[in-house]
Amino acid sequence: MIVCVCNNISDREIRQAVDLGISSVAELHRELGVGTMCGKCVSYAREVLYEHLESKTVVTELHRVPQTA
């Protein structure tokens, strides 16, 4: 789905940008041009950004749980 009509930026492109390290609306603005024209897309772009950031699972530590017989 197109999020930013003015710059033809899709939700898929926003998710790909997150996968490449983008983590803020300011970075989306700078790197993709989101919200640089009319600005109507910023709230939905923010929603897509944060939903995708929340969906990414990062494992920072593993613990072995002993199995009981």
C-alpha atoms as a PDB file:
ATOM      1  CA  MET A   1       0.000   0.000   0.000  1.00  0.00           C
ATOM      2  CA  ILE A   2       1.263   3.484  -0.801  1.00  0.00           C
ATOM      3  CA  VAL A   3       1.894   5.461   2.403  1.00  0.00           C
ATOM      4  CA  CYS A   4       3.364   8.635   0.908  1.00  0.00           C
ATOM      5  CA  VAL A   5       1.536   9.508  -2.297  1.00  0.00           C
ATOM      6  CA  CYS A   6       3.684  12.569  -3.021  1.00  0.00           C
ATOM      7  CA  ASN A   7       6.895  10.514  -3.106  1.00  0.00           C
ATOM      8  CA  ASN A   8       5.355   7.126  -3.989  1.00  0.00           C
ATOM      9  CA  ILE A   9       6.655   5.362  -0.859  1.00  0.00           C
ATOM     10  CA  SER A  10       5.006   2.110   0.168  1.00  0.00           C
ATOM     11  CA  ASP A  11       4.626   0.400   3.527  1.00  0.00           C
ATOM     12  CA  ARG A  12       6.893  -2.330   2.156  1.00  0.00           C
ATOM     13  CA  GLU A  13       9.671   0.202   1.552  1.00  0.00           C
ATOM     14  CA  ILE A  14       9.281   1.495   5.104  1.00  0.00           C
ATOM     15  CA  ARG A  15       9.539  -2.042   6.502  1.00  0.00           C
ATOM     16  CA  GLN A  16      12.626  -2.700   4.356  1.00  0.00           C
ATOM     17  CA  ALA A  17      14.178   0.524   5.667  1.00  0.00           C
ATOM     18  CA  VAL A  18      13.548  -0.665   9.240  1.00  0.00           C
ATOM     19  CA  ASP A  19      15.216  -3.974   8.393  1.00  0.00           C
ATOM     20  CA  LEU A  20      18.225  -1.969   7.202  1.00  0.00           C
ATOM     21  CA  GLY A  21      18.455  -0.006  10.447  1.00  0.00           C
ATOM     22  CA  ILE A  22      16.019   2.926  10.223  1.00  0.00           C
ATOM     23  CA  SER A  23      14.366   3.446  13.600  1.00  0.00           C
ATOM     24  CA  SER A  24      12.767   6.894  13.590  1.00  0.00           C
ATOM     25  CA  VAL A  25      10.444   9.065  11.535  1.00  0.00           C
ATOM     26  CA  ALA A  26      13.265  11.603  11.172  1.00  0.00           C
ATOM     27  CA  GLU A  27      15.387   8.917   9.494  1.00  0.00           C
ATOM     28  CA  LEU A  28      12.479   7.968   7.205  1.00  0.00           C
ATOM     29  CA  HIS A  29      12.165  11.636   6.319  1.00  0.00           C
ATOM     30  CA  ARG A  30      15.876  11.968   5.566  1.00  0.00           C
ATOM     31  CA  GLU A  31      16.450   8.642   3.799  1.00  0.00           C
ATOM     32  CA  LEU A  32      13.164   8.029   1.950  1.00  0.00           C
ATOM     33  CA  GLY A  33      11.601  11.476   1.771  1.00  0.00           C
ATOM     34  CA  VAL A  34       8.554  10.546   3.856  1.00  0.00           C
ATOM     35  CA  GLY A  35       6.627  13.693   4.777  1.00  0.00           C
ATOM     36  CA  THR A  36       8.746  16.080   2.735  1.00  0.00           C
ATOM     37  CA  MET A  37       5.871  17.382   0.603  1.00  0.00           C
ATOM     38  CA  CYS A  38       2.357  17.740   2.060  1.00  0.00           C
ATOM     39  CA  GLY A  39       3.038  15.814   5.305  1.00  0.00           C
ATOM     40  CA  LYS A  40      -0.281  13.960   5.375  1.00  0.00           C
ATOM     41  CA  CYS A  41       1.524  10.602   5.387  1.00  0.00           C
ATOM     42  CA  VAL A  42       3.588  11.116   8.532  1.00  0.00           C
ATOM     43  CA  SER A  43       1.112   9.624  11.030  1.00  0.00           C
ATOM     44  CA  TYR A  44       0.584   6.451   8.990  1.00  0.00           C
ATOM     45  CA  ALA A  45       4.309   6.155   8.218  1.00  0.00           C
ATOM     46  CA  ARG A  46       4.976   6.384  11.971  1.00  0.00           C
ATOM     47  CA  GLU A  47       2.417   3.630  12.592  1.00  0.00           C
ATOM     48  CA  VAL A  48       4.021   1.322   9.995  1.00  0.00           C
ATOM     49  CA  LEU A  49       7.485   2.094  11.375  1.00  0.00           C
ATOM     50  CA  TYR A  50       6.613   1.351  15.006  1.00  0.00           C
ATOM     51  CA  GLU A  51       4.562  -1.751  14.199  1.00  0.00           C
ATOM     52  CA  HIS A  52       7.481  -3.207  12.276  1.00  0.00           C
ATOM     53  CA  LEU A  53       9.994  -2.236  14.957  1.00  0.00           C
ATOM     54  CA  GLU A  54       7.821  -3.985  17.561  1.00  0.00           C
ATOM     55  CA  SER A  55       7.481  -7.092  15.401  1.00  0.00           C
ATOM     56  CA  LYS A  56      11.219  -7.592  15.162  1.00  0.00           C
ATOM     57  CA  THR A  57      12.460 -10.020  17.791  1.00  0.00           C
ATOM     58  CA  VAL A  58      15.971  -9.558  19.072  1.00  0.00           C
ATOM     59  CA  VAL A  59      17.526 -12.316  21.145  1.00  0.00           C
ATOM     60  CA  THR A  60      20.069 -10.867  23.523  1.00  0.00           C
ATOM     61  CA  GLU A  61      20.586 -13.789  25.866  1.00  0.00           C
ATOM     62  CA  LEU A  62      19.810 -17.501  25.951  1.00  0.00           C
ATOM     63  CA  HIS A  63      19.226 -19.611  29.059  1.00  0.00           C
ATOM     64  CA  ARG A  64      19.121 -23.376  29.049  1.00  0.00           C
ATOM     65  CA  VAL A  65      16.152 -24.653  31.018  1.00  0.00           C
ATOM     66  CA  PRO A  66      16.795 -28.047  32.631  1.00  0.00           C
ATOM     67  CA  GLN A  67      14.310 -30.695  31.613  1.00  0.00           C
ATOM     68  CA  THR A  68      12.526 -32.617  34.319  1.00  0.00           C
ATOM     69  CA  ALA A  69      11.963 -36.334  33.976  1.00  0.00           C
END
